[in-house]
Amino acid sequence: MYTEKQISELGIKRNILLNPGPSTTTDTVKMAQVVPDICPREEEFAGMMKDLREDLVKIVHGDKDKHTSVLFCGSGTINIDICLNSLLPEGGKVLVVNNGAYSTRAVEICEYYGLPHIDLKFPLDEQPDLAVIEKTLKENPDIKLVHTTHNETGTGILNPIREIGALVHKYGAVFTVDTTSTLAMRPIDIEKDNIDFCMASAQKGLMAMTGLSFIIGNRAIIEKSKDYPKRSYYCNLYLQYDFFERTGEMHFTPPVQTIYATRQALDEYFKEGEEAKWARHTRVFEAIHKGLEELGFKDLIKRELQAGLVVSVIYPDDPNWSFKKIHDYCYERGFTIYPGKVSDTNTFRLCALGAIDEKDIEDFFVVLKEGLEANNIAVPVRYAK
């Protein structure tokens, strides 16, 4: 293990990533990947993965006897794929509560596998209507699996998962929630929030590296799914869970160095603490809003509906505006911003993820203002209405 002094002497350039993942990492997480080569079938490595799986359950305040976590190689989308194709029983139907790009991705997965499903659409800038969700559940008793997204990262809207989950359980279905952009940032309690399965990737809230994703959820439901239709080999939740339980290993080769980085990131998560970490993300979020307001930018989503992690910013009405030019100006100076994910509105996103704090945001807005002025874009920015 490198000391902080040794890491400092390496002079690793620090970039501030304001995109929705991967996030800015600490140097200690980066350097945790530099380890002696090891075969991932060794007991030493399996023991580390066992501890890692248990710690992931702790993040969402799960009961280790009732809940477990299952690791997979891949980006966050693999989790949605796995839950949808693995947890739908024969004759059942999926309900996707859809008000954004990432729930739309769940619909696309259902379409790809040919899973019976209902795409229950709501406006991108509004929370889902609970009365409509309940009506749909009541009228479709064959709905056995309900999926939605906690924070729709394309817009930054926060969905009321606790209330949706209560309805899902009232009508006897399983509730899976894409928490990729909230887990280990915004506090989650898997029981109180009525979640059966949540999910994330190491490079998001844990501020580790890409390549490792995980699903946290109910053991009994996973074991029951053994008898469900098999729709995928690699992406089957029971198959991976069962292999872990019998051998302590992933069924297929794990991303070894990424797992070492995730172990370090988990240690840093618990050292910082859930509430302190959420308070830091909130400071960053408030600093983003303050900087945007000072420059005259407008939000797409009402402030009271935002998850506190992503701000979707509407392009100004200025003939000189060019997202690419502003992106490139900021990128050359160590700051990354990201385009929006809304089909009918031109937006870009600023995110409160990663190992950053308020001062990083203040520094960013100095650069952003300089970028606007260098490209002859009016400051404060202007809108036609």
Protein backbone atom coordinates (compact mmCIF):
# COMPACT_ATOMS: atom_id res chain seq x y z
CA MET A 1 0.00 0.00 0.00
CA TYR A 2 1.37 3.42 -0.97
CA THR A 3 1.59 6.11 1.69
CA GLU A 4 -0.11 9.45 1.06
CA LYS A 5 3.34 11.06 0.80
CA GLN A 6 4.43 8.59 -1.90
CA ILE A 7 1.20 9.13 -3.82
CA SER A 8 1.62 12.90 -3.58
CA GLU A 9 5.10 12.65 -5.02
CA LEU A 10 3.71 10.92 -8.12
CA GLY A 11 2.00 14.20 -9.09
CA ILE A 12 -1.17 12.68 -10.53
CA LYS A 13 -3.18 15.38 -12.33
CA ARG A 14 -6.53 15.99 -10.67
CA ASN A 15 -9.50 16.54 -12.98
CA ILE A 16 -12.89 17.66 -11.70
CA LEU A 17 -15.57 15.53 -13.35
CA LEU A 18 -18.97 17.20 -13.32
CA ASN A 19 -20.44 14.53 -15.61
CA PRO A 20 -22.84 11.90 -14.17
CA GLY A 21 -20.14 9.24 -13.83
CA PRO A 22 -17.51 8.03 -13.69
CA SER A 23 -16.72 10.39 -10.88
CA THR A 24 -13.61 12.12 -9.58
CA THR A 25 -11.61 9.66 -7.46
CA THR A 26 -9.13 10.07 -4.65
CA ASP A 27 -5.50 9.29 -5.37
CA THR A 28 -5.63 6.55 -2.75
CA VAL A 29 -8.40 4.80 -4.70
CA LYS A 30 -6.43 5.16 -7.93
CA MET A 31 -3.31 3.69 -6.40
CA ALA A 32 -5.19 0.81 -4.73
CA GLN A 33 -5.16 -0.80 -8.17
CA VAL A 34 -1.37 -1.11 -8.08
CA VAL A 35 -1.08 -4.47 -6.34
CA PRO A 36 0.86 -7.70 -6.83
CA ASP A 37 -0.65 -9.91 -9.51
CA ILE A 38 -3.02 -12.47 -8.04
CA CYS A 39 -5.21 -15.24 -9.41
CA PRO A 40 -8.80 -14.32 -8.51
CA ARG A 41 -9.44 -17.96 -7.53
CA GLU A 42 -7.17 -17.62 -4.51
CA GLU A 43 -8.81 -17.80 -1.06
CA GLU A 44 -7.30 -14.43 -0.17
CA PHE A 45 -9.15 -12.73 -3.02
CA ALA A 46 -12.39 -14.61 -2.36
CA GLY A 47 -12.23 -13.46 1.27
CA MET A 48 -11.90 -9.86 0.19
CA MET A 49 -14.94 -10.19 -2.09
CA LYS A 50 -16.97 -11.74 0.75
CA ASP A 51 -16.23 -8.74 2.98
CA LEU A 52 -16.94 -6.36 0.11
CA ARG A 53 -20.34 -7.97 -0.54
CA GLU A 54 -21.29 -7.66 3.12
CA ASP A 55 -20.18 -4.02 3.25
CA LEU A 56 -22.32 -3.18 0.22
CA VAL A 57 -25.35 -4.47 2.13
CA LYS A 58 -24.40 -2.20 5.06
CA ILE A 59 -24.52 0.87 2.81
CA VAL A 60 -28.30 0.44 2.37
CA HIS A 61 -28.82 -0.68 6.01
CA GLY A 62 -29.74 -4.20 4.98
CA ASP A 63 -29.88 -7.28 7.19
CA LYS A 64 -27.07 -9.62 6.08
CA ASP A 65 -29.28 -12.65 6.76
CA LYS A 66 -32.14 -11.28 4.62
CA HIS A 67 -30.14 -9.32 2.06
CA THR A 68 -27.10 -9.98 -0.04
CA SER A 69 -25.13 -8.33 -2.81
CA VAL A 70 -24.11 -9.95 -6.08
CA LEU A 71 -21.20 -8.63 -8.15
CA PHE A 72 -20.99 -8.49 -11.94
CA CYS A 73 -18.51 -7.22 -14.52
CA GLY A 74 -19.98 -4.34 -16.49
CA SER A 75 -21.49 -0.87 -16.41
CA GLY A 76 -24.69 0.06 -14.60
CA THR A 77 -26.91 -1.10 -17.45
CA ILE A 78 -25.95 -4.71 -16.76
CA ASN A 79 -27.80 -4.46 -13.43
CA ILE A 80 -31.06 -3.44 -15.09
CA ASP A 81 -30.67 -6.25 -17.62
CA ILE A 82 -30.03 -8.82 -14.88
CA CYS A 83 -32.93 -7.81 -12.66
CA LEU A 84 -35.48 -7.68 -15.45
CA ASN A 85 -34.53 -10.92 -17.16
CA SER A 86 -33.88 -12.88 -13.95
CA LEU A 87 -36.71 -11.86 -11.64
CA LEU A 88 -39.79 -12.20 -13.86
CA PRO A 89 -41.68 -15.47 -13.29
CA GLU A 90 -43.48 -17.42 -16.01
CA GLY A 91 -46.73 -15.68 -16.94
CA GLY A 92 -45.73 -12.45 -15.22
CA LYS A 93 -45.52 -8.93 -16.57
CA VAL A 94 -43.12 -6.05 -15.92
CA LEU A 95 -44.35 -2.55 -15.11
CA VAL A 96 -41.78 0.15 -15.85
CA VAL A 97 -42.56 3.48 -14.17
CA ASN A 98 -40.94 5.68 -16.79
CA ASN A 99 -40.16 9.39 -16.63
CA GLY A 100 -36.68 9.49 -18.09
CA ALA A 101 -33.89 8.04 -20.20
CA TYR A 102 -32.80 5.34 -17.77
CA SER A 103 -36.27 3.93 -17.20
CA THR A 104 -36.67 4.04 -20.97
CA ARG A 105 -33.56 1.85 -21.11
CA ALA A 106 -35.39 -0.68 -18.92
CA VAL A 107 -38.25 -0.66 -21.43
CA GLU A 108 -35.77 -1.32 -24.25
CA ILE A 109 -34.38 -4.29 -22.31
CA CYS A 110 -37.90 -5.70 -21.91
CA GLU A 111 -38.43 -5.28 -25.64
CA TYR A 112 -35.13 -6.96 -26.45
CA TYR A 113 -35.92 -10.05 -24.36
CA GLY A 114 -39.56 -10.08 -25.43
CA LEU A 115 -40.73 -9.69 -21.84
CA PRO A 116 -44.42 -8.82 -21.40
CA HIS A 117 -44.41 -5.29 -20.04
CA ILE A 118 -46.24 -2.02 -19.58
CA ASP A 119 -44.37 1.20 -20.33
CA LEU A 120 -46.12 3.60 -17.96
CA LYS A 121 -44.90 6.97 -19.20
CA PHE A 122 -44.91 10.24 -17.34
CA PRO A 123 -43.49 13.65 -18.36
CA LEU A 124 -39.71 13.94 -18.02
CA ASP A 125 -39.97 16.98 -15.78
CA GLU A 126 -42.57 15.55 -13.38
CA GLN A 127 -42.64 12.85 -10.72
CA PRO A 128 -44.81 9.80 -11.47
CA ASP A 129 -48.46 9.98 -10.44
CA LEU A 130 -48.99 7.48 -7.62
CA ALA A 131 -52.72 7.19 -8.33
CA VAL A 132 -52.00 6.18 -11.93
CA ILE A 133 -49.45 3.62 -10.76
CA GLU A 134 -51.92 2.09 -8.31
CA LYS A 135 -54.68 2.00 -10.95
CA THR A 136 -52.32 0.17 -13.32
CA LEU A 137 -51.33 -2.37 -10.66
CA LYS A 138 -54.96 -2.96 -9.72
CA GLU A 139 -56.05 -3.47 -13.32
CA ASN A 140 -53.14 -5.79 -14.16
CA PRO A 141 -52.84 -8.52 -11.49
CA ASP A 142 -50.27 -10.30 -13.68
CA ILE A 143 -47.71 -7.54 -12.92
CA LYS A 144 -45.07 -9.37 -10.90
CA LEU A 145 -42.12 -7.01 -11.27
CA VAL A 146 -42.05 -3.20 -11.08
CA HIS A 147 -38.99 -1.18 -12.03
CA THR A 148 -38.15 2.49 -11.83
CA THR A 149 -35.19 4.86 -11.44
CA HIS A 150 -34.46 6.68 -8.17
CA ASN A 151 -32.68 9.67 -9.68
CA GLU A 152 -33.27 10.07 -13.41
CA THR A 153 -29.78 11.23 -14.20
CA GLY A 154 -30.77 12.64 -17.59
CA THR A 155 -32.74 15.37 -15.85
CA GLY A 156 -31.90 15.15 -12.14
CA ILE A 157 -35.47 14.44 -11.01
CA LEU A 158 -36.00 12.43 -7.80
CA ASN A 159 -38.67 9.74 -7.90
CA PRO A 160 -40.70 8.83 -4.76
CA ILE A 161 -39.47 5.25 -4.48
CA ARG A 162 -40.69 4.68 -0.92
CA GLU A 163 -44.27 5.48 -1.91
CA ILE A 164 -44.06 3.54 -5.18
CA GLY A 165 -42.58 0.55 -3.33
CA ALA A 166 -45.44 0.54 -0.83
CA LEU A 167 -47.91 0.26 -3.73
CA VAL A 168 -45.85 -2.45 -5.41
CA HIS A 169 -45.89 -4.57 -2.25
CA LYS A 170 -49.58 -3.89 -1.66
CA TYR A 171 -50.27 -5.64 -4.96
CA GLY A 172 -47.80 -8.48 -4.39
CA ALA A 173 -45.08 -7.57 -6.88
CA VAL A 174 -41.29 -7.29 -6.59
CA PHE A 175 -39.77 -3.80 -6.70
CA THR A 176 -36.41 -3.17 -8.40
CA VAL A 177 -34.93 0.32 -8.32
CA ASP A 178 -32.08 1.72 -10.40
CA THR A 179 -30.10 3.53 -7.70
CA THR A 180 -26.97 3.84 -9.83
CA SER A 181 -26.76 7.60 -9.31
CA THR A 182 -27.89 7.74 -5.67
CA LEU A 183 -26.43 4.73 -3.82
CA ALA A 184 -23.60 5.72 -1.45
CA MET A 185 -24.54 9.37 -1.95
CA ARG A 186 -28.16 10.01 -1.03
CA PRO A 187 -28.98 7.85 2.03
CA ILE A 188 -31.03 4.73 1.22
CA ASP A 189 -32.65 2.27 3.62
CA ILE A 190 -33.61 -0.84 1.69
CA GLU A 191 -36.36 -1.83 4.16
CA LYS A 192 -37.84 1.58 4.94
CA ASP A 193 -37.76 2.53 1.25
CA ASN A 194 -39.70 -0.65 0.32
CA ILE A 195 -36.99 -1.80 -2.09
CA ASP A 196 -36.51 -5.47 -2.96
CA PHE A 197 -33.47 -4.86 -5.20
CA CYS A 198 -31.30 -1.80 -5.72
CA MET A 199 -28.17 -1.47 -7.80
CA ALA A 200 -25.15 0.65 -8.65
CA SER A 201 -21.69 0.63 -10.18
CA ALA A 202 -18.38 1.21 -8.44
CA GLN A 203 -17.54 4.36 -10.39
CA LYS A 204 -20.57 6.33 -9.17
CA GLY A 205 -21.33 6.97 -5.49
CA LEU A 206 -18.45 4.85 -4.24
CA MET A 207 -16.05 6.97 -6.31
CA ALA A 208 -14.07 3.94 -7.49
CA MET A 209 -13.33 2.62 -10.97
CA THR A 210 -15.46 1.43 -13.86
CA GLY A 211 -15.97 -2.26 -14.56
CA LEU A 212 -17.70 -3.52 -11.40
CA SER A 213 -21.45 -3.39 -10.82
CA PHE A 214 -23.56 -4.87 -8.04
CA ILE A 215 -27.14 -5.69 -7.13
CA ILE A 216 -28.24 -5.60 -3.49
CA GLY A 217 -31.43 -7.36 -2.52
CA ASN A 218 -33.56 -10.05 -1.01
CA ARG A 219 -31.96 -13.51 -0.74
CA ALA A 220 -35.27 -15.39 -0.65
CA ILE A 221 -36.46 -13.77 -3.89
CA ILE A 222 -33.16 -14.62 -5.60
CA GLU A 223 -33.45 -18.23 -4.47
CA LYS A 224 -37.05 -18.41 -5.65
CA SER A 225 -35.97 -17.12 -9.07
CA LYS A 226 -34.01 -20.35 -9.59
CA ASP A 227 -37.16 -21.79 -11.12
CA TYR A 228 -37.98 -18.80 -13.34
CA PRO A 229 -37.43 -18.88 -17.10
CA LYS A 230 -33.74 -18.64 -18.04
CA ARG A 231 -33.28 -15.74 -20.45
CA SER A 232 -29.54 -15.16 -20.15
CA TYR A 233 -26.48 -17.18 -19.14
CA TYR A 234 -23.97 -14.49 -18.19
CA CYS A 235 -26.61 -12.08 -16.87
CA ASN A 236 -28.53 -14.40 -14.55
CA LEU A 237 -28.87 -13.26 -10.95
CA TYR A 238 -29.42 -16.68 -9.36
CA LEU A 239 -26.55 -18.30 -11.25
CA GLN A 240 -24.06 -15.66 -10.05
CA TYR A 241 -25.48 -15.61 -6.51
CA ASP A 242 -25.36 -19.40 -6.23
CA PHE A 243 -21.76 -19.55 -7.45
CA PHE A 244 -20.75 -16.93 -4.88
CA GLU A 245 -22.52 -18.81 -2.10
CA ARG A 246 -20.92 -22.16 -3.01
CA THR A 247 -17.39 -21.03 -3.89
CA GLY A 248 -16.91 -17.45 -2.69
CA GLU A 249 -15.98 -16.51 -6.26
CA MET A 250 -17.53 -14.82 -9.26
CA HIS A 251 -18.68 -17.33 -11.86
CA PHE A 252 -16.52 -15.66 -14.49
CA THR A 253 -13.25 -13.72 -14.25
CA PRO A 254 -13.69 -10.62 -12.06
CA PRO A 255 -12.08 -7.21 -12.72
CA VAL A 256 -9.36 -7.77 -10.15
CA GLN A 257 -7.77 -4.32 -9.94
CA THR A 258 -11.18 -2.64 -9.98
CA ILE A 259 -12.21 -4.73 -6.99
CA TYR A 260 -9.11 -3.63 -5.06
CA ALA A 261 -10.01 -0.01 -5.84
CA THR A 262 -13.59 -0.63 -4.72
CA ARG A 263 -12.35 -2.11 -1.44
CA GLN A 264 -10.36 1.07 -0.82
CA ALA A 265 -13.33 3.22 -1.83
CA LEU A 266 -15.59 1.37 0.61
CA ASP A 267 -13.10 1.95 3.42
CA GLU A 268 -13.09 5.66 2.56
CA TYR A 269 -16.90 5.71 2.39
CA PHE A 270 -17.26 4.34 5.92
CA LYS A 271 -14.51 6.61 7.21
CA GLU A 272 -16.28 9.70 5.86
CA GLY A 273 -19.68 8.43 7.01
CA GLU A 274 -23.06 8.35 5.31
CA GLU A 275 -24.40 11.62 6.66
CA ALA A 276 -21.13 13.56 6.23
CA LYS A 277 -20.80 12.33 2.66
CA TRP A 278 -24.37 13.31 1.81
CA ALA A 279 -23.76 16.72 3.43
CA ARG A 280 -20.71 17.18 1.20
CA HIS A 281 -22.65 16.27 -1.95
CA THR A 282 -25.35 18.71 -0.83
CA ARG A 283 -22.76 21.50 -0.42
CA VAL A 284 -21.55 20.81 -3.94
CA PHE A 285 -25.11 20.81 -5.27
CA GLU A 286 -25.89 24.14 -3.59
CA ALA A 287 -22.66 25.62 -4.93
CA ILE A 288 -23.63 24.52 -8.45
CA HIS A 289 -26.97 26.27 -8.12
CA LYS A 290 -25.36 29.40 -6.72
CA GLY A 291 -22.90 29.59 -9.61
CA LEU A 292 -25.59 29.00 -12.22
CA GLU A 293 -27.84 31.66 -10.72
CA GLU A 294 -25.01 34.20 -10.72
CA LEU A 295 -24.43 33.57 -14.43
CA GLY A 296 -28.17 33.66 -15.23
CA PHE A 297 -28.64 30.01 -16.25
CA LYS A 298 -32.03 28.27 -15.92
CA ASP A 299 -32.83 24.77 -14.62
CA LEU A 300 -34.95 22.30 -16.55
CA ILE A 301 -36.40 20.67 -13.43
CA LYS A 302 -38.17 22.47 -10.58
CA ARG A 303 -35.76 22.77 -7.67
CA GLU A 304 -38.07 20.96 -5.23
CA LEU A 305 -38.15 17.89 -7.50
CA GLN A 306 -34.38 17.57 -7.90
CA ALA A 307 -32.51 14.70 -6.27
CA GLY A 308 -29.69 16.95 -5.10
CA LEU A 309 -27.09 15.36 -7.35
CA VAL A 310 -27.68 16.45 -10.95
CA VAL A 311 -28.63 19.84 -12.38
CA SER A 312 -29.94 19.88 -15.94
CA VAL A 313 -29.18 23.33 -17.38
CA ILE A 314 -31.02 24.83 -20.36
CA TYR A 315 -28.86 26.25 -23.15
CA PRO A 316 -29.04 30.06 -23.29
CA ASP A 317 -30.56 31.77 -26.32
CA ASP A 318 -27.37 33.30 -27.59
CA PRO A 319 -26.19 33.05 -31.22
CA ASN A 320 -22.63 32.50 -29.99
CA TRP A 321 -23.52 29.64 -27.65
CA SER A 322 -21.74 26.37 -28.45
CA PHE A 323 -21.73 23.58 -25.92
CA LYS A 324 -18.71 22.02 -27.61
CA LYS A 325 -16.67 25.21 -27.37
CA ILE A 326 -17.59 25.67 -23.70
CA HIS A 327 -16.94 22.01 -22.96
CA ASP A 328 -13.53 22.14 -24.63
CA TYR A 329 -12.58 25.38 -22.86
CA CYS A 330 -13.42 23.87 -19.47
CA TYR A 331 -11.88 20.48 -20.29
CA GLU A 332 -8.55 22.02 -21.21
CA ARG A 333 -8.52 23.58 -17.74
CA GLY A 334 -9.36 20.40 -15.84
CA PHE A 335 -13.16 20.50 -15.65
CA THR A 336 -15.53 18.13 -17.47
CA ILE A 337 -19.16 19.03 -18.20
CA TYR A 338 -21.64 16.77 -19.94
CA PRO A 339 -24.42 17.13 -22.53
CA GLY A 340 -28.04 16.63 -21.54
CA LYS A 341 -30.24 13.61 -22.19
CA VAL A 342 -33.57 15.23 -23.05
CA SER A 343 -34.78 14.76 -26.61
CA ASP A 344 -36.80 17.95 -27.03
CA THR A 345 -34.75 20.44 -24.98
CA ASN A 346 -31.09 21.42 -25.39
CA THR A 347 -29.41 21.01 -22.01
CA PHE A 348 -26.13 20.21 -20.33
CA ARG A 349 -25.59 18.65 -16.93
CA LEU A 350 -23.54 19.51 -13.87
CA CYS A 351 -23.31 16.80 -11.22
CA ALA A 352 -22.47 16.76 -7.51
CA LEU A 353 -20.80 13.34 -7.66
CA GLY A 354 -17.31 12.24 -6.77
CA ALA A 355 -14.48 13.28 -4.49
CA ILE A 356 -15.08 17.02 -4.85
CA ASP A 357 -16.25 19.82 -2.57
CA GLU A 358 -17.57 23.37 -2.64
CA LYS A 359 -14.21 24.96 -3.49
CA ASP A 360 -13.92 22.84 -6.65
CA ILE A 361 -17.25 24.23 -7.83
CA GLU A 362 -16.24 27.80 -7.09
CA ASP A 363 -13.08 27.25 -9.15
CA PHE A 364 -15.15 25.74 -11.95
CA PHE A 365 -17.43 28.76 -12.22
CA VAL A 366 -14.44 31.06 -12.56
CA VAL A 367 -13.38 28.99 -15.57
CA LEU A 368 -16.92 28.75 -16.97
CA LYS A 369 -17.37 32.52 -16.83
CA GLU A 370 -14.04 33.01 -18.56
CA GLY A 371 -15.14 30.51 -21.21
CA LEU A 372 -18.38 32.36 -21.86
CA GLU A 373 -16.58 35.67 -22.21
CA ALA A 374 -13.85 34.18 -24.43
CA ASN A 375 -16.56 32.94 -26.81
CA ASN A 376 -18.48 36.25 -26.82
CA ILE A 377 -21.46 34.80 -24.99
CA ALA A 378 -23.34 37.40 -22.96
CA VAL A 379 -22.87 37.29 -19.18
CA PRO A 380 -25.29 36.95 -17.50
CA VAL A 381 -26.64 34.57 -20.12
CA ARG A 382 -29.88 35.44 -21.90
CA TYR A 383 -33.11 33.63 -22.62
CA ALA A 384 -35.79 34.63 -25.10
CA LYS A 385 -38.50 34.09 -22.49
